[in-house]
Amino acid sequence: MPSKNIYSKSYALEFTRIALLFIFSAFTTALFGQSYTTIKSGDWNDPSIWSPTHPSGYPTSSDQTITISGSHIVTIPAGLSITADELIVNGTLQISQAAGLTITNGSATDLQLSGTLNVYGTLKLSDQATHTGLMSSNTTFYTGSHYSHLYTILEGVIPSASWNSGSTLEINGYTTFSFATTSGNWSQRFGNVEWNCTLQSSGIKMNGLLQNITGSFSVISTGSSLLELSNNQALTINIAGDVTIANDSRVYFSTAPVLGNSVEALQINIGGTFNYTSTHSAGSETNEGKKTTINIAGDFYMNAPGGKLTLSLKESNTVAGDGTTFNIGGNFNLVAGQIFAND
């Protein structure tokens, strides 16, 4: 009898230990999420492609690591928007038109790519989210696709990719970020570029890095501050489509060199129409102390009630002959607003 009692206690303790481990495992999974891996190709919201089976059908950023295996092609179908964190793409991920993927910021690298990423819809990078492995050879933004850069006070890194001329790079998040660097990947050949930072409160210097736009360049909002395209760099900026400066945006095409520095030259080639509709009373400026040439293949159109565009602003360190040259291939249309041509 005593030995039976000992065995009963032993079994009871073992059962208790297993039960506690099960409860701890369930608690950990509930708290930190489960990792999921594809077992075949298919749509992201197809429960049968994921292992283990997801209780909600498919994984999101509330889960742990999400892995697309090397031989699999996973598609985010039209009408579906996914948020993901710690997403590892060893196979192929396709974002369909009218579909979206938002990469959120977590404790590890948020998007790791060793396979292929094809974007036909929208890819968003949340503030401070990180990525690795994206290159022009494995990442493509197709016609109609959008990439939204939502960093606020830090520069972040624009994905290295092949950008179709009909794709759009959207800069949406900046507030007090101040200047662009080469590590931000700004020197790529982009399609359309749209600057729309409604909460921007400090001037942002692009330092001449944004040079190749094969679509159109639109400045929708610079918040309460301005955007500076170049700062004492001798360079050519090529924009194949239209240039639009709208709402109450302010753009400085070039800013003054430091006193005593040589005055450099900036040339901007616009393949379409230059549309200026910003109503900001302080306005935009083509140059401060740097020789600037703006070649417009199409029309110049200004309809900016209360707005102002300054073509040349001389500083004490500039030399005679520096200023702005406007070459307009189409029509000159001044509907409203003021154009200042300073000497």
Protein backbone atom coordinates (compact mmCIF):
# COMPACT_ATOMS: atom_id res chain seq x y z
CA MET A 1 0.00 0.00 0.00
CA PRO A 2 2.69 2.58 0.82
CA SER A 3 4.40 2.03 -2.55
CA LYS A 4 1.08 2.58 -4.35
CA ASN A 5 0.67 5.89 -2.56
CA ILE A 6 4.20 6.97 -3.60
CA TYR A 7 3.46 6.14 -7.25
CA SER A 8 0.18 8.05 -7.09
CA LYS A 9 1.94 11.12 -5.76
CA SER A 10 4.64 10.82 -8.44
CA TYR A 11 2.06 10.61 -11.24
CA ALA A 12 0.19 13.54 -9.73
CA LEU A 13 3.36 15.66 -9.62
CA GLU A 14 4.23 14.74 -13.21
CA PHE A 15 0.72 15.58 -14.38
CA THR A 16 0.90 18.90 -12.53
CA ARG A 17 4.27 19.70 -14.14
CA ILE A 18 2.96 18.91 -17.64
CA ALA A 19 -0.17 20.96 -17.00
CA LEU A 20 1.91 23.94 -15.83
CA LEU A 21 4.15 23.67 -18.89
CA PHE A 22 1.09 23.59 -21.14
CA ILE A 23 -0.42 26.61 -19.38
CA PHE A 24 2.92 28.50 -19.59
CA SER A 25 3.25 27.67 -23.28
CA ALA A 26 -0.30 28.81 -23.98
CA PHE A 27 0.29 32.00 -21.96
CA THR A 28 3.54 32.73 -23.82
CA THR A 29 1.90 32.18 -27.21
CA ALA A 30 -1.00 34.42 -26.24
CA LEU A 31 1.36 37.12 -24.97
CA PHE A 32 4.02 37.08 -27.68
CA GLY A 33 2.23 35.38 -30.59
CA GLN A 34 3.07 32.31 -32.62
CA SER A 35 5.52 31.96 -35.52
CA TYR A 36 4.06 30.88 -38.87
CA THR A 37 5.60 29.39 -42.01
CA THR A 38 4.10 28.66 -45.41
CA ILE A 39 3.72 25.02 -46.47
CA LYS A 40 2.59 25.81 -50.04
CA SER A 41 1.90 28.69 -52.41
CA GLY A 42 -1.38 30.62 -52.35
CA ASP A 43 -3.14 33.77 -51.21
CA TRP A 44 -2.09 35.23 -47.88
CA ASN A 45 -5.62 34.87 -46.48
CA ASP A 46 -5.87 31.18 -47.40
CA PRO A 47 -5.62 29.36 -44.03
CA SER A 48 -4.32 26.18 -45.68
CA ILE A 49 -0.96 27.70 -46.65
CA TRP A 50 0.14 28.38 -43.07
CA SER A 51 1.62 26.09 -40.45
CA PRO A 52 0.55 25.83 -37.73
CA THR A 53 -3.08 26.64 -38.41
CA HIS A 54 -3.80 30.23 -37.46
CA PRO A 55 -6.86 30.75 -35.21
CA SER A 56 -7.90 33.79 -37.27
CA GLY A 57 -7.02 32.28 -40.65
CA TYR A 58 -3.73 34.06 -41.40
CA PRO A 59 -0.85 35.77 -39.52
CA THR A 60 -0.43 39.51 -38.91
CA SER A 61 1.85 41.82 -36.92
CA SER A 62 0.35 40.51 -33.67
CA ASP A 63 2.19 37.23 -34.30
CA GLN A 64 5.88 36.45 -34.13
CA THR A 65 8.04 35.60 -37.14
CA ILE A 66 6.20 35.10 -40.44
CA THR A 67 8.19 33.15 -43.03
CA ILE A 68 7.46 32.62 -46.72
CA SER A 69 9.43 29.52 -47.65
CA GLY A 70 11.88 29.48 -50.55
CA SER A 71 9.81 27.72 -53.21
CA HIS A 72 6.49 29.38 -52.40
CA ILE A 73 4.67 32.27 -54.09
CA VAL A 74 2.34 34.12 -51.73
CA THR A 75 -0.04 36.80 -53.00
CA ILE A 76 -1.84 39.47 -50.99
CA PRO A 77 -5.05 39.67 -53.04
CA ALA A 78 -6.98 42.79 -54.01
CA GLY A 79 -9.02 44.24 -51.16
CA LEU A 80 -6.78 42.83 -48.42
CA SER A 81 -4.46 44.97 -46.26
CA ILE A 82 -1.93 43.18 -44.09
CA THR A 83 0.24 44.46 -41.24
CA ALA A 84 3.35 42.40 -40.56
CA ASP A 85 6.38 42.46 -38.32
CA GLU A 86 9.43 40.21 -38.56
CA LEU A 87 8.42 39.10 -42.06
CA ILE A 88 10.98 36.85 -43.73
CA VAL A 89 10.55 36.39 -47.48
CA ASN A 90 12.67 33.51 -48.78
CA GLY A 91 10.26 32.82 -51.65
CA THR A 92 8.14 35.33 -53.59
CA LEU A 93 5.71 37.85 -52.15
CA GLN A 94 3.32 39.67 -54.47
CA ILE A 95 1.19 42.65 -53.41
CA SER A 96 -1.73 42.88 -55.83
CA GLN A 97 -3.34 46.07 -57.11
CA ALA A 98 -5.76 47.44 -54.49
CA ALA A 99 -3.92 45.41 -51.83
CA GLY A 100 -1.57 46.67 -49.14
CA LEU A 101 1.23 45.59 -46.83
CA THR A 102 2.31 47.71 -43.86
CA ILE A 103 5.58 46.80 -42.15
CA THR A 104 5.44 47.79 -38.50
CA ASN A 105 8.32 48.46 -36.13
CA GLY A 106 9.26 45.62 -33.81
CA SER A 107 12.26 44.43 -31.81
CA ALA A 108 14.02 42.65 -34.71
CA THR A 109 14.47 43.41 -38.43
CA ASP A 110 10.94 43.94 -39.66
CA LEU A 111 11.29 42.84 -43.31
CA GLN A 112 14.00 40.44 -44.47
CA LEU A 113 14.15 39.61 -48.17
CA SER A 114 16.25 36.91 -49.77
CA GLY A 115 13.63 36.02 -52.38
CA THR A 116 11.52 38.33 -54.55
CA LEU A 117 9.12 41.18 -53.79
CA ASN A 118 6.70 42.35 -56.52
CA VAL A 119 4.59 45.38 -55.65
CA TYR A 120 1.51 46.19 -57.74
CA GLY A 121 -0.42 47.70 -54.82
CA THR A 122 0.86 49.59 -51.77
CA LEU A 123 3.82 48.96 -49.47
CA LYS A 124 4.12 51.10 -46.34
CA LEU A 125 7.07 51.34 -43.98
CA SER A 126 5.96 52.52 -40.54
CA ASP A 127 8.01 54.91 -38.46
CA GLN A 128 11.36 53.27 -37.50
CA ALA A 129 10.50 49.97 -39.19
CA THR A 130 13.60 48.34 -40.70
CA HIS A 131 14.33 46.17 -43.71
CA THR A 132 17.22 44.28 -45.26
CA GLY A 133 17.96 42.51 -48.52
CA LEU A 134 15.85 44.71 -50.82
CA MET A 135 17.68 45.43 -54.10
CA SER A 136 16.83 46.48 -57.64
CA SER A 137 17.41 42.87 -58.71
CA ASN A 138 14.75 41.40 -56.39
CA THR A 139 12.31 44.23 -55.63
CA THR A 140 10.06 45.84 -58.26
CA PHE A 141 7.44 48.58 -58.00
CA TYR A 142 5.18 48.25 -61.03
CA THR A 143 2.92 50.80 -62.75
CA GLY A 144 0.22 51.96 -60.33
CA SER A 145 2.12 50.82 -57.22
CA HIS A 146 2.85 53.02 -54.22
CA TYR A 147 5.53 53.05 -51.55
CA SER A 148 4.72 55.16 -48.47
CA HIS A 149 7.61 56.29 -46.26
CA LEU A 150 6.20 57.06 -42.79
CA TYR A 151 9.34 57.96 -40.84
CA THR A 152 8.99 61.12 -38.74
CA ILE A 153 12.16 62.43 -37.07
CA LEU A 154 14.67 59.92 -38.50
CA GLU A 155 15.55 59.59 -42.18
CA GLY A 156 14.91 55.88 -42.60
CA VAL A 157 15.96 53.98 -45.71
CA ILE A 158 14.00 54.04 -48.95
CA PRO A 159 13.94 50.47 -50.36
CA SER A 160 16.47 49.84 -53.10
CA ALA A 161 14.29 48.69 -56.00
CA SER A 162 13.45 48.85 -59.66
CA TRP A 163 10.90 51.68 -59.94
CA ASN A 164 8.59 51.73 -62.96
CA SER A 165 7.91 55.25 -64.28
CA GLY A 166 4.26 54.75 -63.30
CA SER A 167 5.06 53.85 -59.68
CA THR A 168 4.91 56.43 -56.88
CA LEU A 169 7.25 57.16 -53.99
CA GLU A 170 5.22 58.91 -51.28
CA ILE A 171 6.98 60.83 -48.51
CA ASN A 172 4.26 61.22 -45.88
CA GLY A 173 5.65 61.19 -42.38
CA TYR A 174 8.46 63.68 -41.78
CA THR A 175 8.05 66.21 -38.98
CA THR A 176 11.46 67.39 -37.73
CA PHE A 177 13.82 65.29 -39.86
CA SER A 178 16.37 67.80 -41.21
CA PHE A 179 18.65 66.53 -44.01
CA ALA A 180 18.99 63.65 -46.45
CA THR A 181 22.08 61.42 -46.67
CA THR A 182 23.34 58.87 -49.18
CA SER A 183 22.37 56.05 -46.81
CA GLY A 184 18.71 56.98 -47.32
CA ASN A 185 18.84 55.65 -50.93
CA TRP A 186 17.53 58.89 -52.49
CA SER A 187 19.73 58.66 -55.60
CA GLN A 188 17.69 55.95 -57.30
CA ARG A 189 15.71 56.43 -60.53
CA PHE A 190 12.21 56.84 -59.16
CA GLY A 191 8.89 56.98 -61.00
CA ASN A 192 6.55 59.61 -59.57
CA VAL A 193 7.60 61.33 -56.34
CA GLU A 194 5.01 62.90 -54.04
CA TRP A 195 5.98 64.97 -50.99
CA ASN A 196 3.05 65.31 -48.58
CA CYS A 197 4.29 65.94 -45.03
CA THR A 198 1.42 67.82 -43.41
CA LEU A 199 3.08 67.81 -39.95
CA GLN A 200 6.51 68.98 -41.17
CA SER A 201 7.75 71.72 -38.87
CA SER A 202 11.41 72.13 -39.88
CA GLY A 203 13.18 72.78 -43.16
CA ILE A 204 14.36 69.58 -44.87
CA LYS A 205 17.47 69.64 -47.04
CA MET A 206 17.67 67.00 -49.78
CA ASN A 207 21.30 67.98 -50.47
CA GLY A 208 20.93 67.37 -54.20
CA LEU A 209 20.34 63.63 -53.74
CA LEU A 210 16.92 63.48 -55.38
CA GLN A 211 18.06 63.80 -59.00
CA ASN A 212 16.27 61.27 -61.20
CA ILE A 213 12.48 61.24 -61.49
CA THR A 214 11.11 59.41 -64.53
CA GLY A 215 7.52 60.45 -63.76
CA SER A 216 6.17 63.61 -62.12
CA PHE A 217 7.24 65.49 -58.96
CA SER A 218 4.45 66.81 -56.75
CA VAL A 219 4.85 68.80 -53.54
CA ILE A 220 1.44 68.63 -51.85
CA SER A 221 2.41 69.84 -48.37
CA THR A 222 5.54 70.94 -46.51
CA GLY A 223 3.59 71.57 -43.32
CA SER A 224 4.64 74.83 -41.68
CA SER A 225 8.14 74.75 -43.20
CA LEU A 226 9.85 74.13 -46.55
CA LEU A 227 11.70 71.64 -48.75
CA GLU A 228 15.19 72.43 -50.09
CA LEU A 229 16.23 70.39 -53.13
CA SER A 230 19.91 71.37 -53.17
CA ASN A 231 22.38 73.23 -51.02
CA ASN A 232 25.59 74.35 -52.74
CA GLN A 233 25.80 71.30 -55.02
CA ALA A 234 26.62 71.55 -58.72
CA LEU A 235 24.20 69.11 -60.30
CA THR A 236 21.43 68.41 -62.79
CA ILE A 237 17.98 67.28 -61.67
CA ASN A 238 15.94 65.47 -64.32
CA ILE A 239 12.15 65.25 -64.01
CA ALA A 240 10.52 63.59 -67.01
CA GLY A 241 6.94 64.60 -66.19
CA ASP A 242 5.25 67.57 -64.55
CA VAL A 243 6.32 69.56 -61.50
CA THR A 244 3.54 70.70 -59.16
CA ILE A 245 3.89 72.87 -56.06
CA ALA A 246 0.45 73.06 -54.46
CA ASN A 247 -1.62 74.20 -51.48
CA ASP A 248 0.64 76.19 -49.10
CA SER A 249 3.86 74.30 -49.88
CA ARG A 250 7.24 76.03 -50.04
CA VAL A 251 10.18 74.78 -52.12
CA TYR A 252 13.69 76.21 -52.41
CA PHE A 253 15.32 74.79 -55.53
CA SER A 254 18.77 75.87 -54.33
CA THR A 255 20.03 77.64 -51.23
CA ALA A 256 22.95 79.97 -50.72
CA PRO A 257 26.50 78.63 -50.43
CA VAL A 258 28.44 79.47 -47.31
CA LEU A 259 30.14 82.87 -47.52
CA GLY A 260 33.46 82.46 -49.27
CA ASN A 261 32.54 79.22 -51.07
CA SER A 262 32.48 79.10 -54.85
CA VAL A 263 29.02 79.58 -56.36
CA GLU A 264 27.86 76.34 -57.94
CA ALA A 265 25.32 75.83 -60.72
CA LEU A 266 22.03 73.93 -60.64
CA GLN A 267 20.11 72.82 -63.72
CA ILE A 268 16.60 71.39 -63.54
CA ASN A 269 15.09 69.76 -66.63
CA ILE A 270 11.31 69.40 -66.57
CA GLY A 271 9.82 67.27 -69.33
CA GLY A 272 6.23 68.36 -68.73
CA THR A 273 4.44 71.39 -67.27
CA PHE A 274 5.51 73.47 -64.25
CA ASN A 275 2.35 74.04 -62.19
CA TYR A 276 2.64 76.52 -59.33
CA THR A 277 -0.53 76.86 -57.23
CA SER A 278 0.88 77.36 -53.72
CA THR A 279 -0.82 80.24 -51.93
CA HIS A 280 1.86 80.65 -49.23
CA SER A 281 2.61 84.37 -48.89
CA ALA A 282 6.36 83.82 -48.28
CA GLY A 283 6.44 81.65 -51.37
CA SER A 284 9.09 79.53 -53.02
CA GLU A 285 12.50 80.48 -54.42
CA THR A 286 14.44 79.15 -57.37
CA ASN A 287 17.83 80.12 -55.98
CA GLU A 288 19.71 81.92 -53.24
CA GLY A 289 23.16 82.85 -54.45
CA LYS A 290 23.55 80.07 -57.01
CA LYS A 291 23.23 80.15 -60.77
CA THR A 292 20.10 78.15 -61.61
CA THR A 293 18.71 77.14 -64.99
CA ILE A 294 15.21 75.67 -65.24
CA ASN A 295 14.31 74.13 -68.59
CA ILE A 296 10.57 73.51 -69.00
CA ALA A 297 9.59 71.51 -72.07
CA GLY A 298 5.88 72.21 -71.55
CA ASP A 299 3.95 75.16 -70.13
CA PHE A 300 4.55 77.33 -67.09
CA TYR A 301 1.25 77.73 -65.23
CA MET A 302 0.76 79.81 -62.09
CA ASN A 303 -2.57 80.20 -60.33
CA ALA A 304 -1.61 81.06 -56.76
CA PRO A 305 -3.83 83.75 -55.19
CA GLY A 306 -1.73 85.42 -52.48
CA GLY A 307 1.26 83.25 -53.38
CA LYS A 308 4.71 84.22 -54.58
CA LEU A 309 7.52 82.70 -56.63
CA THR A 310 10.95 84.36 -56.44
CA LEU A 311 13.19 83.65 -59.42
CA SER A 312 16.42 85.05 -58.00
CA LEU A 313 17.42 86.16 -54.54
CA LYS A 314 20.87 87.75 -54.40
CA GLU A 315 22.94 87.31 -51.26
CA SER A 316 26.00 89.31 -50.23
CA ASN A 317 28.34 86.49 -51.26
CA THR A 318 27.06 86.09 -54.83
CA VAL A 319 28.66 87.39 -57.97
CA ALA A 320 27.31 89.25 -60.98
CA GLY A 321 25.55 87.01 -63.49
CA ASP A 322 24.21 84.56 -60.94
CA GLY A 323 20.45 84.15 -60.91
CA THR A 324 17.71 82.15 -62.58
CA THR A 325 17.23 81.40 -66.25
CA PHE A 326 13.78 80.14 -67.24
CA ASN A 327 13.56 78.39 -70.60
CA ILE A 328 9.91 77.63 -71.41
CA GLY A 329 9.08 75.48 -74.40
CA GLY A 330 5.32 75.96 -74.16
CA ASN A 331 3.06 78.77 -72.96
CA PHE A 332 3.55 81.17 -70.06
CA ASN A 333 0.31 81.40 -68.06
CA LEU A 334 0.13 83.73 -65.05
CA VAL A 335 -3.44 83.59 -63.70
CA ALA A 336 -2.89 84.73 -60.11
CA GLY A 337 0.00 85.29 -57.72
CA GLN A 338 3.26 87.21 -57.92
CA ILE A 339 6.55 86.47 -59.62
CA PHE A 340 9.59 88.32 -58.25
CA ALA A 341 12.77 88.61 -60.33
CA ASN A 342 15.40 89.99 -57.96
CA ASP A 343 18.86 91.27 -58.84
